[in-house]
Amino acid sequence: MRDDPVPLQQSLLAAAGEPYRGAELPSHPPPLTEAYAIQRAIAAHHGLPIAAWKLGLTGQGARDAFGATEPTIGRLGASTVYRNGSETDFIGPEMFAEAELVFEIGNALPAQDRPYTRANLCAAISGIYTGIEIVRTRFETSDLPLTLLVADNSMAHGLLLGRKLATQWDDRFAQLPVSLTRNDEPPIEGSTASVMGNPLDALVWLANWLRLHEEHGLQPGQLITSGTCTGATEISAGDIIRVTIDTIESARITLRAPNFEEAK
């Protein structure tokens, strides 16, 4: 017998309002369709337009670890998109940083019944940026099964929008070196090719997923985090996170120490 999805939705909403107190894991996780319905309902509860779409599990290893056959999505409002060089609060007990290639949509996609192609998405792109995604769970642990990961907004928390790299797609973005550095530690090396072999294909996948599962598809002005190029790096209060793409440092964020009095 499955748990009722409504209490799970309410539990996640309560945990978002009291971020130092994670929600308990339900005894029976919902199926995937219900998990997305919970994610959608929580976003609707906040009443804010979607400023950014988050793509998760865009690496084959991550999908295998979760038993997933495709990536997952999450949603971010405008208040959770930060300027380059910003500070943001560390909200424990766990947070992680991911180096990302970020797309900006400038033109609406054509309405069509057939799947979108790379050409369709290239025509819609108006900007490509470096990004740092900040992820955290609303549950008491980040060790989640697939459907609770989805209900938890794919752990999307915030997006640092870094330097603008281009106004349109170029095939060089399919395989660029990426590194993420925490403080003065050795950098974690990666590549844009870690994202489904080509991050443009992650964007195409998202456009087609939205076409089939959401009332509205990609909209002009929205951002899309294509998926981590370096894996997830655990971060702590006081950390400075920097991301370099193609040898150029182009994104930076600082984690402020938590204020436990405000969190009570």
C-alpha atoms as a PDB file:
ATOM      1  CA  MET A   1       0.000   0.000   0.000  1.00  0.00           C
ATOM      2  CA  ARG A   2       1.401   3.371  -1.049  1.00  0.00           C
ATOM      3  CA  ASP A   3       1.543   6.429   1.163  1.00  0.00           C
ATOM      4  CA  ASP A   4      -0.899   9.215   0.306  1.00  0.00           C
ATOM      5  CA  PRO A   5       0.969  11.763  -1.900  1.00  0.00           C
ATOM      6  CA  VAL A   6      -0.743  14.734  -0.207  1.00  0.00           C
ATOM      7  CA  PRO A   7       0.997  14.299   3.194  1.00  0.00           C
ATOM      8  CA  LEU A   8       4.307  13.856   1.340  1.00  0.00           C
ATOM      9  CA  GLN A   9       3.699  17.110  -0.526  1.00  0.00           C
ATOM     10  CA  GLN A  10       2.808  18.874   2.728  1.00  0.00           C
ATOM     11  CA  SER A  11       5.873  17.430   4.440  1.00  0.00           C
ATOM     12  CA  LEU A  12       8.160  18.765   1.706  1.00  0.00           C
ATOM     13  CA  LEU A  13       6.524  22.182   1.850  1.00  0.00           C
ATOM     14  CA  ALA A  14       7.008  22.285   5.617  1.00  0.00           C
ATOM     15  CA  ALA A  15      10.659  21.254   5.254  1.00  0.00           C
ATOM     16  CA  ALA A  16      11.224  24.046   2.728  1.00  0.00           C
ATOM     17  CA  GLY A  17       9.898  26.526   5.302  1.00  0.00           C
ATOM     18  CA  GLU A  18      12.129  25.080   8.047  1.00  0.00           C
ATOM     19  CA  PRO A  19      15.263  24.186   6.093  1.00  0.00           C
ATOM     20  CA  TYR A  20      17.268  22.797   9.016  1.00  0.00           C
ATOM     21  CA  ARG A  21      14.597  20.180   9.710  1.00  0.00           C
ATOM     22  CA  GLY A  22      14.404  17.645   6.905  1.00  0.00           C
ATOM     23  CA  ALA A  23      11.228  15.737   6.088  1.00  0.00           C
ATOM     24  CA  GLU A  24      11.044  12.072   7.027  1.00  0.00           C
ATOM     25  CA  LEU A  25      11.230   9.578   4.191  1.00  0.00           C
ATOM     26  CA  PRO A  26       7.870   7.910   3.501  1.00  0.00           C
ATOM     27  CA  SER A  27       7.658   4.185   4.017  1.00  0.00           C
ATOM     28  CA  HIS A  28       6.360   3.695   0.468  1.00  0.00           C
ATOM     29  CA  PRO A  29       7.805   6.077  -2.153  1.00  0.00           C
ATOM     30  CA  PRO A  30       5.324   7.188  -4.842  1.00  0.00           C
ATOM     31  CA  PRO A  31       5.528   6.046  -8.455  1.00  0.00           C
ATOM     32  CA  LEU A  32       7.289   8.369 -10.885  1.00  0.00           C
ATOM     33  CA  THR A  33       4.138  10.003 -12.257  1.00  0.00           C
ATOM     34  CA  GLU A  34       2.975  10.915  -8.750  1.00  0.00           C
ATOM     35  CA  ALA A  35       6.456  12.168  -7.862  1.00  0.00           C
ATOM     36  CA  TYR A  36       6.335  14.624 -10.758  1.00  0.00           C
ATOM     37  CA  ALA A  37       2.792  15.612  -9.760  1.00  0.00           C
ATOM     38  CA  ILE A  38       4.095  16.446  -6.254  1.00  0.00           C
ATOM     39  CA  GLN A  39       6.958  18.473  -7.727  1.00  0.00           C
ATOM     40  CA  ARG A  40       4.523  20.327  -9.997  1.00  0.00           C
ATOM     41  CA  ALA A  41       2.057  20.997  -7.162  1.00  0.00           C
ATOM     42  CA  ILE A  42       4.764  22.405  -4.884  1.00  0.00           C
ATOM     43  CA  ALA A  43       5.924  24.747  -7.653  1.00  0.00           C
ATOM     44  CA  ALA A  44       2.320  25.847  -8.225  1.00  0.00           C
ATOM     45  CA  HIS A  45       1.883  26.404  -4.472  1.00  0.00           C
ATOM     46  CA  HIS A  46       4.654  29.007  -4.542  1.00  0.00           C
ATOM     47  CA  GLY A  47       2.911  30.714  -7.470  1.00  0.00           C
ATOM     48  CA  LEU A  48       6.121  31.812  -9.176  1.00  0.00           C
ATOM     49  CA  PRO A  49       6.930  31.415 -12.875  1.00  0.00           C
ATOM     50  CA  ILE A  50       9.709  29.000 -13.727  1.00  0.00           C
ATOM     51  CA  ALA A  51      12.922  30.946 -14.286  1.00  0.00           C
ATOM     52  CA  ALA A  52      15.125  27.883 -14.772  1.00  0.00           C
ATOM     53  CA  TRP A  53      14.756  24.189 -15.487  1.00  0.00           C
ATOM     54  CA  LYS A  54      17.214  21.836 -13.835  1.00  0.00           C
ATOM     55  CA  LEU A  55      18.309  18.635 -15.544  1.00  0.00           C
ATOM     56  CA  GLY A  56      19.601  15.813 -13.357  1.00  0.00           C
ATOM     57  CA  LEU A  57      21.014  12.339 -13.987  1.00  0.00           C
ATOM     58  CA  THR A  58      22.412  13.381 -17.370  1.00  0.00           C
ATOM     59  CA  GLY A  59      25.362  11.030 -16.917  1.00  0.00           C
ATOM     60  CA  GLN A  60      24.941   7.314 -17.552  1.00  0.00           C
ATOM     61  CA  GLY A  61      26.633   6.417 -14.274  1.00  0.00           C
ATOM     62  CA  ALA A  62      24.196   8.556 -12.294  1.00  0.00           C
ATOM     63  CA  ARG A  63      21.202   7.036 -14.101  1.00  0.00           C
ATOM     64  CA  ASP A  64      22.511   3.539 -13.434  1.00  0.00           C
ATOM     65  CA  ALA A  65      22.953   4.354  -9.740  1.00  0.00           C
ATOM     66  CA  PHE A  66      19.294   5.391  -9.466  1.00  0.00           C
ATOM     67  CA  GLY A  67      17.913   2.730 -11.807  1.00  0.00           C
ATOM     68  CA  ALA A  68      16.706   5.501 -14.134  1.00  0.00           C
ATOM     69  CA  THR A  69      16.180   5.187 -17.869  1.00  0.00           C
ATOM     70  CA  GLU A  70      16.226   8.932 -18.538  1.00  0.00           C
ATOM     71  CA  PRO A  71      17.250  12.200 -16.855  1.00  0.00           C
ATOM     72  CA  THR A  72      15.114  13.980 -14.261  1.00  0.00           C
ATOM     73  CA  ILE A  73      13.968  17.585 -14.093  1.00  0.00           C
ATOM     74  CA  GLY A  74      13.530  20.257 -11.428  1.00  0.00           C
ATOM     75  CA  ARG A  75      12.209  23.831 -11.328  1.00  0.00           C
ATOM     76  CA  LEU A  76      13.703  27.083 -10.007  1.00  0.00           C
ATOM     77  CA  GLY A  77      12.118  30.497  -9.475  1.00  0.00           C
ATOM     78  CA  ALA A  78      13.814  33.827 -10.198  1.00  0.00           C
ATOM     79  CA  SER A  79      14.759  34.380  -6.538  1.00  0.00           C
ATOM     80  CA  THR A  80      17.002  31.306  -6.667  1.00  0.00           C
ATOM     81  CA  VAL A  81      19.056  32.495  -9.669  1.00  0.00           C
ATOM     82  CA  TYR A  82      22.134  34.377  -8.433  1.00  0.00           C
ATOM     83  CA  ARG A  83      24.506  36.825 -10.090  1.00  0.00           C
ATOM     84  CA  ASN A  84      28.097  35.834 -10.690  1.00  0.00           C
ATOM     85  CA  GLY A  85      30.204  36.451  -7.591  1.00  0.00           C
ATOM     86  CA  SER A  86      27.208  36.311  -5.249  1.00  0.00           C
ATOM     87  CA  GLU A  87      27.024  34.977  -1.719  1.00  0.00           C
ATOM     88  CA  THR A  88      24.273  32.623  -0.636  1.00  0.00           C
ATOM     89  CA  ASP A  89      23.421  30.930   2.635  1.00  0.00           C
ATOM     90  CA  PHE A  90      24.677  27.484   3.454  1.00  0.00           C
ATOM     91  CA  ILE A  91      21.614  25.491   4.502  1.00  0.00           C
ATOM     92  CA  GLY A  92      22.655  22.259   6.144  1.00  0.00           C
ATOM     93  CA  PRO A  93      23.150  19.592   6.881  1.00  0.00           C
ATOM     94  CA  GLU A  94      24.303  18.864   3.300  1.00  0.00           C
ATOM     95  CA  MET A  95      24.743  20.968   0.184  1.00  0.00           C
ATOM     96  CA  PHE A  96      26.520  20.201  -3.059  1.00  0.00           C
ATOM     97  CA  ALA A  97      27.884  22.222  -5.987  1.00  0.00           C
ATOM     98  CA  GLU A  98      27.913  21.193  -9.638  1.00  0.00           C
ATOM     99  CA  ALA A  99      29.624  22.811 -12.623  1.00  0.00           C
ATOM    100  CA  GLU A 100      27.142  23.276 -15.455  1.00  0.00           C
ATOM    101  CA  LEU A 101      26.725  24.587 -18.962  1.00  0.00           C
ATOM    102  CA  VAL A 102      23.587  26.754 -18.926  1.00  0.00           C
ATOM    103  CA  PHE A 103      21.339  27.546 -21.878  1.00  0.00           C
ATOM    104  CA  GLU A 104      19.114  30.616 -22.232  1.00  0.00           C
ATOM    105  CA  ILE A 105      16.007  30.417 -24.409  1.00  0.00           C
ATOM    106  CA  GLY A 106      15.407  33.491 -26.534  1.00  0.00           C
ATOM    107  CA  ASN A 107      12.847  32.286 -29.066  1.00  0.00           C
ATOM    108  CA  ALA A 108       9.749  30.156 -28.628  1.00  0.00           C
ATOM    109  CA  LEU A 109       9.863  26.684 -30.077  1.00  0.00           C
ATOM    110  CA  PRO A 110       7.416  25.969 -32.895  1.00  0.00           C
ATOM    111  CA  ALA A 111       4.280  24.085 -31.919  1.00  0.00           C
ATOM    112  CA  GLN A 112       4.543  20.641 -33.497  1.00  0.00           C
ATOM    113  CA  ASP A 113       3.513  17.034 -32.966  1.00  0.00           C
ATOM    114  CA  ARG A 114       6.835  15.536 -34.035  1.00  0.00           C
ATOM    115  CA  PRO A 115       9.894  15.526 -31.744  1.00  0.00           C
ATOM    116  CA  TYR A 116      12.114  18.582 -31.572  1.00  0.00           C
ATOM    117  CA  THR A 117      15.567  18.328 -33.104  1.00  0.00           C
ATOM    118  CA  ARG A 118      18.951  19.873 -32.494  1.00  0.00           C
ATOM    119  CA  ALA A 119      18.175  22.391 -35.241  1.00  0.00           C
ATOM    120  CA  ASN A 120      14.953  23.457 -33.466  1.00  0.00           C
ATOM    121  CA  LEU A 121      16.811  24.056 -30.223  1.00  0.00           C
ATOM    122  CA  CYS A 122      19.766  25.827 -31.834  1.00  0.00           C
ATOM    123  CA  ALA A 123      17.278  28.297 -33.332  1.00  0.00           C
ATOM    124  CA  ALA A 124      15.751  28.906 -29.878  1.00  0.00           C
ATOM    125  CA  ILE A 125      18.998  29.516 -27.952  1.00  0.00           C
ATOM    126  CA  SER A 126      19.981  33.117 -27.195  1.00  0.00           C
ATOM    127  CA  GLY A 127      22.774  32.538 -24.709  1.00  0.00           C
ATOM    128  CA  ILE A 128      25.165  29.951 -23.307  1.00  0.00           C
ATOM    129  CA  TYR A 129      26.668  30.507 -19.866  1.00  0.00           C
ATOM    130  CA  THR A 130      28.858  28.906 -17.259  1.00  0.00           C
ATOM    131  CA  GLY A 131      26.865  27.985 -14.162  1.00  0.00           C
ATOM    132  CA  ILE A 132      27.207  26.623 -10.657  1.00  0.00           C
ATOM    133  CA  GLU A 133      24.197  24.694  -9.467  1.00  0.00           C
ATOM    134  CA  ILE A 134      23.632  24.421  -5.717  1.00  0.00           C
ATOM    135  CA  VAL A 135      21.713  21.287  -4.753  1.00  0.00           C
ATOM    136  CA  ARG A 136      20.237  20.119  -1.464  1.00  0.00           C
ATOM    137  CA  THR A 137      17.497  17.816  -0.268  1.00  0.00           C
ATOM    138  CA  ARG A 138      14.385  18.733   1.715  1.00  0.00           C
ATOM    139  CA  PHE A 139      14.417  15.247   3.230  1.00  0.00           C
ATOM    140  CA  GLU A 140      16.392  14.198   6.291  1.00  0.00           C
ATOM    141  CA  THR A 141      18.933  12.496   4.019  1.00  0.00           C
ATOM    142  CA  SER A 142      20.160  12.958   0.455  1.00  0.00           C
ATOM    143  CA  ASP A 143      20.330   9.167   0.003  1.00  0.00           C
ATOM    144  CA  LEU A 144      17.057   8.925  -1.914  1.00  0.00           C
ATOM    145  CA  PRO A 145      15.399   6.496  -4.309  1.00  0.00           C
ATOM    146  CA  LEU A 146      14.601   7.825  -7.770  1.00  0.00           C
ATOM    147  CA  THR A 147      10.994   8.854  -7.192  1.00  0.00           C
ATOM    148  CA  LEU A 148      11.752  10.731  -3.964  1.00  0.00           C
ATOM    149  CA  LEU A 149      14.579  12.512  -5.784  1.00  0.00           C
ATOM    150  CA  VAL A 150      12.014  13.683  -8.350  1.00  0.00           C
ATOM    151  CA  ALA A 151       9.457  14.695  -5.699  1.00  0.00           C
ATOM    152  CA  ASP A 152      12.282  16.637  -4.032  1.00  0.00           C
ATOM    153  CA  ASN A 153      12.587  18.800  -7.177  1.00  0.00           C
ATOM    154  CA  SER A 154      15.637  16.738  -8.203  1.00  0.00           C
ATOM    155  CA  MET A 155      17.300  18.510  -5.230  1.00  0.00           C
ATOM    156  CA  ALA A 156      17.379  21.797  -7.186  1.00  0.00           C
ATOM    157  CA  HIS A 157      18.089  24.683  -4.788  1.00  0.00           C
ATOM    158  CA  GLY A 158      19.809  27.520  -6.656  1.00  0.00           C
ATOM    159  CA  LEU A 159      21.695  28.505  -9.791  1.00  0.00           C
ATOM    160  CA  LEU A 160      24.680  30.848 -10.012  1.00  0.00           C
ATOM    161  CA  LEU A 161      24.657  32.256 -13.541  1.00  0.00           C
ATOM    162  CA  GLY A 162      28.240  32.901 -14.556  1.00  0.00           C
ATOM    163  CA  ARG A 163      29.937  34.443 -17.565  1.00  0.00           C
ATOM    164  CA  LYS A 164      28.134  34.456 -20.896  1.00  0.00           C
ATOM    165  CA  LEU A 165      30.161  32.340 -23.277  1.00  0.00           C
ATOM    166  CA  ALA A 166      28.217  32.794 -26.518  1.00  0.00           C
ATOM    167  CA  THR A 167      24.900  33.885 -27.988  1.00  0.00           C
ATOM    168  CA  GLN A 168      24.395  30.714 -30.000  1.00  0.00           C
ATOM    169  CA  TRP A 169      25.390  27.080 -30.043  1.00  0.00           C
ATOM    170  CA  ASP A 170      28.789  26.090 -31.382  1.00  0.00           C
ATOM    171  CA  ASP A 171      29.899  22.473 -31.656  1.00  0.00           C
ATOM    172  CA  ARG A 172      32.961  23.255 -29.538  1.00  0.00           C
ATOM    173  CA  PHE A 173      30.635  23.331 -26.497  1.00  0.00           C
ATOM    174  CA  ALA A 174      30.048  19.600 -26.925  1.00  0.00           C
ATOM    175  CA  GLN A 175      33.479  18.727 -25.534  1.00  0.00           C
ATOM    176  CA  LEU A 176      35.096  21.466 -23.475  1.00  0.00           C
ATOM    177  CA  PRO A 177      37.221  20.894 -20.350  1.00  0.00           C
ATOM    178  CA  VAL A 178      35.513  21.985 -17.133  1.00  0.00           C
ATOM    179  CA  SER A 179      36.876  22.216 -13.606  1.00  0.00           C
ATOM    180  CA  LEU A 180      35.330  23.020 -10.228  1.00  0.00           C
ATOM    181  CA  THR A 181      37.510  24.277  -7.371  1.00  0.00           C
ATOM    182  CA  ARG A 182      36.524  24.487  -3.706  1.00  0.00           C
ATOM    183  CA  ASN A 183      38.653  27.040  -1.865  1.00  0.00           C
ATOM    184  CA  ASP A 184      42.332  26.268  -2.549  1.00  0.00           C
ATOM    185  CA  GLU A 185      41.876  22.533  -3.027  1.00  0.00           C
ATOM    186  CA  PRO A 186      42.973  20.761  -6.235  1.00  0.00           C
ATOM    187  CA  PRO A 187      40.349  21.243  -8.950  1.00  0.00           C
ATOM    188  CA  ILE A 188      37.875  18.540  -9.871  1.00  0.00           C
ATOM    189  CA  GLU A 189      38.211  17.992 -13.602  1.00  0.00           C
ATOM    190  CA  GLY A 190      35.408  17.179 -15.986  1.00  0.00           C
ATOM    191  CA  SER A 191      33.985  17.886 -19.421  1.00  0.00           C
ATOM    192  CA  THR A 192      30.816  19.095 -21.079  1.00  0.00           C
ATOM    193  CA  ALA A 193      30.833  15.703 -22.835  1.00  0.00           C
ATOM    194  CA  SER A 194      29.828  14.167 -19.473  1.00  0.00           C
ATOM    195  CA  VAL A 195      26.339  15.538 -20.153  1.00  0.00           C
ATOM    196  CA  MET A 196      24.694  12.880 -22.351  1.00  0.00           C
ATOM    197  CA  GLY A 197      27.743  12.939 -24.608  1.00  0.00           C
ATOM    198  CA  ASN A 198      26.716  16.433 -25.739  1.00  0.00           C
ATOM    199  CA  PRO A 199      24.822  18.986 -23.594  1.00  0.00           C
ATOM    200  CA  LEU A 200      22.808  20.086 -26.621  1.00  0.00           C
ATOM    201  CA  ASP A 201      21.193  16.632 -26.579  1.00  0.00           C
ATOM    202  CA  ALA A 202      20.187  17.186 -22.953  1.00  0.00           C
ATOM    203  CA  LEU A 203      18.397  20.358 -24.028  1.00  0.00           C
ATOM    204  CA  VAL A 204      16.653  18.502 -26.866  1.00  0.00           C
ATOM    205  CA  TRP A 205      15.588  15.774 -24.420  1.00  0.00           C
ATOM    206  CA  LEU A 206      14.110  18.372 -22.041  1.00  0.00           C
ATOM    207  CA  ALA A 207      12.180  20.133 -24.807  1.00  0.00           C
ATOM    208  CA  ASN A 208      10.617  16.840 -25.877  1.00  0.00           C
ATOM    209  CA  TRP A 209       9.886  15.745 -22.294  1.00  0.00           C
ATOM    210  CA  LEU A 210       8.078  19.017 -21.625  1.00  0.00           C
ATOM    211  CA  ARG A 211       6.156  18.681 -24.895  1.00  0.00           C
ATOM    212  CA  LEU A 212       4.775  15.347 -23.687  1.00  0.00           C
ATOM    213  CA  HIS A 213       4.351  15.946 -19.945  1.00  0.00           C
ATOM    214  CA  GLU A 214       3.772  19.644 -19.234  1.00  0.00           C
ATOM    215  CA  GLU A 215       1.128  22.155 -20.238  1.00  0.00           C
ATOM    216  CA  HIS A 216       3.789  24.634 -21.336  1.00  0.00           C
ATOM    217  CA  GLY A 217       7.134  23.924 -22.956  1.00  0.00           C
ATOM    218  CA  LEU A 218      10.293  25.979 -22.892  1.00  0.00           C
ATOM    219  CA  GLN A 219       9.582  29.708 -22.781  1.00  0.00           C
ATOM    220  CA  PRO A 220      11.694  32.707 -23.878  1.00  0.00           C
ATOM    221  CA  GLY A 221      13.783  33.988 -20.994  1.00  0.00           C
ATOM    222  CA  GLN A 222      14.053  30.637 -19.236  1.00  0.00           C
ATOM    223  CA  LEU A 223      17.399  29.086 -18.317  1.00  0.00           C
ATOM    224  CA  ILE A 224      18.276  25.399 -18.440  1.00  0.00           C
ATOM    225  CA  THR A 225      21.051  23.773 -16.401  1.00  0.00           C
ATOM    226  CA  SER A 226      22.100  20.990 -18.715  1.00  0.00           C
ATOM    227  CA  GLY A 227      23.607  18.660 -16.094  1.00  0.00           C
ATOM    228  CA  THR A 228      26.797  18.384 -14.102  1.00  0.00           C
ATOM    229  CA  CYS A 229      30.120  18.302 -15.913  1.00  0.00           C
ATOM    230  CA  THR A 230      32.159  17.483 -12.782  1.00  0.00           C
ATOM    231  CA  GLY A 231      29.887  15.447 -10.517  1.00  0.00           C
ATOM    232  CA  ALA A 232      28.508  16.683  -7.193  1.00  0.00           C
ATOM    233  CA  THR A 233      30.976  18.249  -4.723  1.00  0.00           C
ATOM    234  CA  GLU A 234      29.934  18.561  -1.087  1.00  0.00           C
ATOM    235  CA  ILE A 235      30.267  22.138   0.167  1.00  0.00           C
ATOM    236  CA  SER A 236      30.226  23.826   3.575  1.00  0.00           C
ATOM    237  CA  ALA A 237      29.741  27.239   5.128  1.00  0.00           C
ATOM    238  CA  GLY A 238      32.543  29.619   4.199  1.00  0.00           C
ATOM    239  CA  ASP A 239      33.485  27.772   1.006  1.00  0.00           C
ATOM    240  CA  ILE A 240      34.309  29.647  -2.181  1.00  0.00           C
ATOM    241  CA  ILE A 241      33.383  27.685  -5.301  1.00  0.00           C
ATOM    242  CA  ARG A 242      34.858  28.554  -8.689  1.00  0.00           C
ATOM    243  CA  VAL A 243      34.205  27.005 -12.095  1.00  0.00           C
ATOM    244  CA  THR A 244      36.504  27.185 -15.101  1.00  0.00           C
ATOM    245  CA  ILE A 245      35.448  26.272 -18.625  1.00  0.00           C
ATOM    246  CA  ASP A 246      38.070  25.950 -21.344  1.00  0.00           C
ATOM    247  CA  THR A 247      40.774  27.301 -18.938  1.00  0.00           C
ATOM    248  CA  ILE A 248      38.849  30.528 -18.169  1.00  0.00           C
ATOM    249  CA  GLU A 249      37.402  31.054 -14.684  1.00  0.00           C
ATOM    250  CA  SER A 250      33.865  32.192 -15.364  1.00  0.00           C
ATOM    251  CA  ALA A 251      31.677  31.465 -12.317  1.00  0.00           C
ATOM    252  CA  ARG A 252      32.161  32.018  -8.582  1.00  0.00           C
ATOM    253  CA  ILE A 253      29.952  31.767  -5.489  1.00  0.00           C
ATOM    254  CA  THR A 254      30.577  32.020  -1.732  1.00  0.00           C
ATOM    255  CA  LEU A 255      28.635  30.111   0.932  1.00  0.00           C
ATOM    256  CA  ARG A 256      27.745  32.207   3.968  1.00  0.00           C
ATOM    257  CA  ALA A 257      27.783  30.688   7.439  1.00  0.00           C
ATOM    258  CA  PRO A 258      24.316  29.651   8.664  1.00  0.00           C
ATOM    259  CA  ASN A 259      22.383  31.828  11.098  1.00  0.00           C
ATOM    260  CA  PHE A 260      20.816  29.297  13.442  1.00  0.00           C
ATOM    261  CA  GLU A 261      18.767  31.933  15.250  1.00  0.00           C
ATOM    262  CA  GLU A 262      17.001  32.900  12.024  1.00  0.00           C
ATOM    263  CA  ALA A 263      16.494  29.238  11.176  1.00  0.00           C
ATOM    264  CA  LYS A 264      14.547  28.493  14.349  1.00  0.00           C
END
